[in-house]
Amino acid sequence: MNEMIGLLLSLVAGLSLGALFFGGLWWATRRAMLSSQPVYWFLGSMLLRSSIVLAGFYFVAQGQWHRLIPCLLGFVAARILVVRLTKPRKELSAGPEEVPIHAP
């Protein structure tokens, strides 16, 4: 039972790391679009986000590879959630009835 709690905490850590990584990407992209030199936003953001995530994975694993599996699953799940939450509202509600049909 104690091992199951450790794996569940690894999953939560993966969700947190993924939310930080992909949420940070979304934030940096929005900031870079308003900047006159977006390369600094993208480069700095990538270095910071990658460093935090790699350190987080290292800390979660603690020398045991089986802790990385739920952590990575949480990371991927966070990506799906962040992409879903940051989509523009028009894309979320678009259905087949809203798509105009044009003659060829």
N, C-alpha and C. Protein backbone atom coordinates (compact mmCIF):
# COMPACT_ATOMS: atom_id res chain seq x y z
N MET A 1 0.81 -1.19 0.00
CA MET A 1 0.00 0.00 0.00
C MET A 1 0.86 1.26 0.00
N ASN A 2 1.98 1.20 0.71
CA ASN A 2 2.87 2.34 0.77
C ASN A 2 3.47 2.65 -0.60
N GLU A 3 3.74 1.58 -1.37
CA GLU A 3 4.29 1.77 -2.72
C GLU A 3 3.24 2.42 -3.64
N MET A 4 1.97 2.06 -3.45
CA MET A 4 0.90 2.65 -4.25
C MET A 4 0.78 4.15 -4.00
N ILE A 5 0.97 4.57 -2.77
CA ILE A 5 0.93 5.99 -2.45
C ILE A 5 2.10 6.71 -3.13
N GLY A 6 3.27 6.07 -3.14
CA GLY A 6 4.43 6.65 -3.82
C GLY A 6 4.19 6.81 -5.31
N LEU A 7 3.55 5.82 -5.94
CA LEU A 7 3.26 5.92 -7.37
C LEU A 7 2.20 6.98 -7.65
N LEU A 8 1.23 7.10 -6.76
CA LEU A 8 0.22 8.14 -6.91
C LEU A 8 0.84 9.53 -6.77
N LEU A 9 1.76 9.68 -5.84
CA LEU A 9 2.46 10.96 -5.69
C LEU A 9 3.33 11.26 -6.92
N SER A 10 3.88 10.22 -7.53
CA SER A 10 4.65 10.41 -8.77
C SER A 10 3.75 10.91 -9.89
N LEU A 11 2.53 10.37 -9.95
CA LEU A 11 1.57 10.83 -10.95
C LEU A 11 1.21 12.29 -10.73
N VAL A 12 0.97 12.67 -9.50
CA VAL A 12 0.64 14.07 -9.18
C VAL A 12 1.83 14.98 -9.49
N ALA A 13 3.02 14.52 -9.20
CA ALA A 13 4.22 15.31 -9.52
C ALA A 13 4.35 15.48 -11.04
N GLY A 14 4.06 14.43 -11.80
CA GLY A 14 4.11 14.53 -13.25
C GLY A 14 3.07 15.50 -13.79
N LEU A 15 1.87 15.47 -13.21
CA LEU A 15 0.85 16.45 -13.60
C LEU A 15 1.31 17.87 -13.31
N SER A 16 1.92 18.06 -12.17
CA SER A 16 2.41 19.40 -11.80
C SER A 16 3.54 19.86 -12.71
N LEU A 17 4.47 18.96 -12.98
CA LEU A 17 5.58 19.32 -13.87
C LEU A 17 5.09 19.60 -15.28
N GLY A 18 4.15 18.81 -15.75
CA GLY A 18 3.59 19.03 -17.09
C GLY A 18 2.83 20.34 -17.17
N ALA A 19 2.05 20.64 -16.13
CA ALA A 19 1.32 21.91 -16.12
C ALA A 19 2.29 23.09 -16.12
N LEU A 20 3.36 22.97 -15.36
CA LEU A 20 4.37 24.02 -15.34
C LEU A 20 5.05 24.16 -16.71
N PHE A 21 5.43 23.04 -17.30
CA PHE A 21 6.15 23.08 -18.58
C PHE A 21 5.27 23.64 -19.70
N PHE A 22 4.09 23.04 -19.89
CA PHE A 22 3.25 23.44 -21.02
C PHE A 22 2.51 24.75 -20.74
N GLY A 23 2.18 25.01 -19.50
CA GLY A 23 1.62 26.32 -19.16
C GLY A 23 2.65 27.42 -19.36
N GLY A 24 3.90 27.13 -19.00
CA GLY A 24 4.97 28.09 -19.23
C GLY A 24 5.23 28.33 -20.70
N LEU A 25 5.09 27.29 -21.50
CA LEU A 25 5.24 27.44 -22.96
C LEU A 25 4.15 28.35 -23.51
N TRP A 26 2.93 28.13 -23.06
CA TRP A 26 1.81 28.96 -23.51
C TRP A 26 2.03 30.42 -23.10
N TRP A 27 2.45 30.63 -21.85
CA TRP A 27 2.69 31.98 -21.36
C TRP A 27 3.82 32.67 -22.14
N ALA A 28 4.92 31.93 -22.35
CA ALA A 28 6.07 32.51 -23.06
C ALA A 28 5.71 32.83 -24.51
N THR A 29 4.89 32.01 -25.12
CA THR A 29 4.47 32.26 -26.50
C THR A 29 3.65 33.53 -26.58
N ARG A 30 2.75 33.70 -25.65
CA ARG A 30 1.95 34.93 -25.63
C ARG A 30 2.81 36.16 -25.39
N ARG A 31 3.78 36.06 -24.49
CA ARG A 31 4.68 37.19 -24.22
C ARG A 31 5.59 37.46 -25.42
N ALA A 32 6.06 36.42 -26.07
CA ALA A 32 6.97 36.59 -27.19
C ALA A 32 6.30 37.28 -28.38
N MET A 33 5.02 37.03 -28.56
CA MET A 33 4.29 37.65 -29.67
C MET A 33 4.19 39.17 -29.50
N LEU A 34 4.29 39.64 -28.28
CA LEU A 34 4.22 41.07 -28.01
C LEU A 34 5.60 41.72 -27.94
N SER A 35 6.65 40.91 -27.99
CA SER A 35 8.00 41.41 -27.82
C SER A 35 8.63 41.76 -29.17
N SER A 36 9.59 42.67 -29.12
CA SER A 36 10.32 43.01 -30.34
C SER A 36 11.42 41.99 -30.64
N GLN A 37 11.85 41.22 -29.61
CA GLN A 37 12.85 40.17 -29.79
C GLN A 37 12.36 38.88 -29.13
N PRO A 38 11.51 38.15 -29.83
CA PRO A 38 10.89 36.97 -29.22
C PRO A 38 11.86 35.82 -28.96
N VAL A 39 13.01 35.83 -29.62
CA VAL A 39 13.96 34.73 -29.44
C VAL A 39 14.40 34.61 -27.98
N TYR A 40 14.53 35.73 -27.30
CA TYR A 40 14.94 35.69 -25.90
C TYR A 40 13.87 35.05 -25.02
N TRP A 41 12.62 35.33 -25.32
CA TRP A 41 11.53 34.71 -24.56
C TRP A 41 11.54 33.20 -24.77
N PHE A 42 11.65 32.77 -26.03
CA PHE A 42 11.61 31.34 -26.32
C PHE A 42 12.82 30.61 -25.76
N LEU A 43 13.99 31.17 -25.96
CA LEU A 43 15.21 30.53 -25.48
C LEU A 43 15.26 30.48 -23.95
N GLY A 44 15.00 31.60 -23.32
CA GLY A 44 15.03 31.64 -21.86
C GLY A 44 13.96 30.75 -21.24
N SER A 45 12.79 30.77 -21.82
CA SER A 45 11.70 29.94 -21.31
C SER A 45 12.03 28.45 -21.46
N MET A 46 12.58 28.08 -22.60
CA MET A 46 12.91 26.67 -22.83
C MET A 46 13.99 26.18 -21.86
N LEU A 47 15.00 26.99 -21.65
CA LEU A 47 16.06 26.60 -20.72
C LEU A 47 15.52 26.46 -19.29
N LEU A 48 14.72 27.42 -18.86
CA LEU A 48 14.17 27.38 -17.51
C LEU A 48 13.20 26.22 -17.33
N ARG A 49 12.26 26.06 -18.28
CA ARG A 49 11.26 25.00 -18.17
C ARG A 49 11.92 23.62 -18.21
N SER A 50 12.86 23.43 -19.12
CA SER A 50 13.54 22.13 -19.24
C SER A 50 14.35 21.80 -17.99
N SER A 51 15.02 22.80 -17.46
CA SER A 51 15.81 22.57 -16.24
C SER A 51 14.93 22.17 -15.07
N ILE A 52 13.81 22.85 -14.91
CA ILE A 52 12.90 22.52 -13.81
C ILE A 52 12.33 21.13 -13.97
N VAL A 53 11.90 20.78 -15.18
CA VAL A 53 11.29 19.48 -15.41
C VAL A 53 12.32 18.35 -15.24
N LEU A 54 13.51 18.52 -15.76
CA LEU A 54 14.53 17.48 -15.59
C LEU A 54 14.91 17.29 -14.12
N ALA A 55 15.03 18.39 -13.39
CA ALA A 55 15.31 18.28 -11.96
C ALA A 55 14.15 17.61 -11.23
N GLY A 56 12.93 17.93 -11.64
CA GLY A 56 11.75 17.31 -11.04
C GLY A 56 11.70 15.82 -11.29
N PHE A 57 11.97 15.39 -12.52
CA PHE A 57 12.00 13.96 -12.84
C PHE A 57 13.08 13.24 -12.03
N TYR A 58 14.23 13.87 -11.91
CA TYR A 58 15.33 13.29 -11.15
C TYR A 58 14.93 13.14 -9.68
N PHE A 59 14.29 14.16 -9.14
CA PHE A 59 13.87 14.12 -7.74
C PHE A 59 12.78 13.06 -7.51
N VAL A 60 11.82 12.97 -8.44
CA VAL A 60 10.74 12.00 -8.30
C VAL A 60 11.27 10.58 -8.40
N ALA A 61 12.19 10.33 -9.31
CA ALA A 61 12.69 8.97 -9.53
C ALA A 61 13.44 8.43 -8.32
N GLN A 62 14.26 9.23 -7.71
CA GLN A 62 15.07 8.83 -6.56
C GLN A 62 15.78 7.49 -6.80
N GLY A 63 16.29 7.31 -8.00
CA GLY A 63 17.04 6.10 -8.33
C GLY A 63 16.18 4.89 -8.64
N GLN A 64 14.86 5.05 -8.72
CA GLN A 64 13.97 3.93 -9.02
C GLN A 64 13.19 4.24 -10.29
N TRP A 65 13.50 3.49 -11.36
CA TRP A 65 12.92 3.79 -12.66
C TRP A 65 11.41 3.62 -12.69
N HIS A 66 10.85 2.74 -11.88
CA HIS A 66 9.40 2.51 -11.95
C HIS A 66 8.59 3.70 -11.44
N ARG A 67 9.21 4.63 -10.77
CA ARG A 67 8.51 5.86 -10.36
C ARG A 67 8.39 6.85 -11.52
N LEU A 68 9.21 6.67 -12.54
CA LEU A 68 9.15 7.58 -13.68
C LEU A 68 7.93 7.33 -14.56
N ILE A 69 7.43 6.11 -14.59
CA ILE A 69 6.31 5.78 -15.47
C ILE A 69 5.07 6.60 -15.12
N PRO A 70 4.59 6.58 -13.87
CA PRO A 70 3.42 7.43 -13.58
C PRO A 70 3.73 8.92 -13.68
N CYS A 71 4.97 9.29 -13.44
CA CYS A 71 5.36 10.69 -13.57
C CYS A 71 5.25 11.13 -15.04
N LEU A 72 5.73 10.30 -15.95
CA LEU A 72 5.63 10.62 -17.37
C LEU A 72 4.18 10.59 -17.85
N LEU A 73 3.38 9.66 -17.33
CA LEU A 73 1.97 9.63 -17.68
C LEU A 73 1.27 10.91 -17.22
N GLY A 74 1.60 11.37 -16.04
CA GLY A 74 1.04 12.63 -15.54
C GLY A 74 1.50 13.82 -16.38
N PHE A 75 2.74 13.78 -16.83
CA PHE A 75 3.28 14.84 -17.68
C PHE A 75 2.51 14.93 -18.99
N VAL A 76 2.26 13.77 -19.61
CA VAL A 76 1.51 13.73 -20.88
C VAL A 76 0.05 14.14 -20.65
N ALA A 77 -0.54 13.70 -19.54
CA ALA A 77 -1.91 14.10 -19.23
C ALA A 77 -2.02 15.60 -19.03
N ALA A 78 -1.02 16.19 -18.42
CA ALA A 78 -1.01 17.65 -18.23
C ALA A 78 -0.93 18.36 -19.57
N ARG A 79 -0.19 17.80 -20.51
CA ARG A 79 -0.12 18.39 -21.85
C ARG A 79 -1.49 18.42 -22.49
N ILE A 80 -2.20 17.31 -22.39
CA ILE A 80 -3.55 17.24 -22.96
C ILE A 80 -4.47 18.26 -22.29
N LEU A 81 -4.38 18.37 -20.98
CA LEU A 81 -5.22 19.33 -20.25
C LEU A 81 -4.89 20.78 -20.61
N VAL A 82 -3.61 21.10 -20.66
CA VAL A 82 -3.21 22.48 -20.98
C VAL A 82 -3.62 22.84 -22.40
N VAL A 83 -3.45 21.92 -23.35
CA VAL A 83 -3.86 22.20 -24.72
C VAL A 83 -5.37 22.42 -24.77
N ARG A 84 -6.10 21.61 -24.05
CA ARG A 84 -7.57 21.73 -24.02
C ARG A 84 -8.00 23.05 -23.38
N LEU A 85 -7.36 23.43 -22.30
CA LEU A 85 -7.75 24.65 -21.59
C LEU A 85 -7.32 25.94 -22.28
N THR A 86 -6.29 25.88 -23.11
CA THR A 86 -5.78 27.10 -23.73
C THR A 86 -6.25 27.28 -25.17
N LYS A 87 -7.09 26.39 -25.66
CA LYS A 87 -7.63 26.57 -27.01
C LYS A 87 -8.59 27.76 -27.02
N PRO A 88 -8.57 28.49 -28.12
CA PRO A 88 -9.57 29.57 -28.23
C PRO A 88 -10.98 28.98 -28.21
N ARG A 89 -11.92 29.71 -27.67
CA ARG A 89 -13.29 29.22 -27.51
C ARG A 89 -13.93 28.83 -28.84
N LYS A 90 -13.59 29.51 -29.90
CA LYS A 90 -14.18 29.21 -31.21
C LYS A 90 -13.82 27.80 -31.65
N GLU A 91 -12.58 27.38 -31.40
CA GLU A 91 -12.15 26.03 -31.78
C GLU A 91 -12.84 24.97 -30.95
N LEU A 92 -13.14 25.27 -29.69
CA LEU A 92 -13.79 24.29 -28.82
C LEU A 92 -15.22 24.04 -29.22
N SER A 93 -15.92 25.06 -29.70
CA SER A 93 -17.34 24.90 -29.98
C SER A 93 -17.63 24.60 -31.44
N ALA A 94 -16.62 24.56 -32.28
CA ALA A 94 -16.85 24.33 -33.71
C ALA A 94 -17.36 22.91 -33.92
N GLY A 95 -18.46 22.83 -34.60
CA GLY A 95 -19.05 21.53 -34.90
C GLY A 95 -19.37 21.46 -36.38
N PRO A 96 -19.87 20.34 -36.83
CA PRO A 96 -20.15 20.20 -38.26
C PRO A 96 -21.22 21.16 -38.76
N GLU A 97 -22.15 21.59 -37.89
CA GLU A 97 -23.20 22.51 -38.32
C GLU A 97 -22.69 23.92 -38.51
N GLU A 98 -21.52 24.26 -37.96
CA GLU A 98 -20.98 25.61 -38.08
C GLU A 98 -20.01 25.76 -39.25
N VAL A 99 -19.64 24.67 -39.89
CA VAL A 99 -18.68 24.71 -40.98
C VAL A 99 -19.44 25.04 -42.27
N PRO A 100 -19.10 26.14 -42.93
CA PRO A 100 -19.81 26.46 -44.17
C PRO A 100 -19.45 25.49 -45.28
N ILE A 101 -20.42 25.17 -46.09
CA ILE A 101 -20.20 24.26 -47.22
C ILE A 101 -20.15 25.10 -48.48
N HIS A 102 -19.05 24.97 -49.22
CA HIS A 102 -18.85 25.74 -50.43
C HIS A 102 -18.90 24.80 -51.62
N ALA A 103 -19.43 25.30 -52.71
CA ALA A 103 -19.45 24.51 -53.94
C ALA A 103 -18.06 24.50 -54.55
N PRO A 104 -17.66 23.41 -55.18
CA PRO A 104 -16.32 23.36 -55.78
C PRO A 104 -16.17 24.27 -56.97
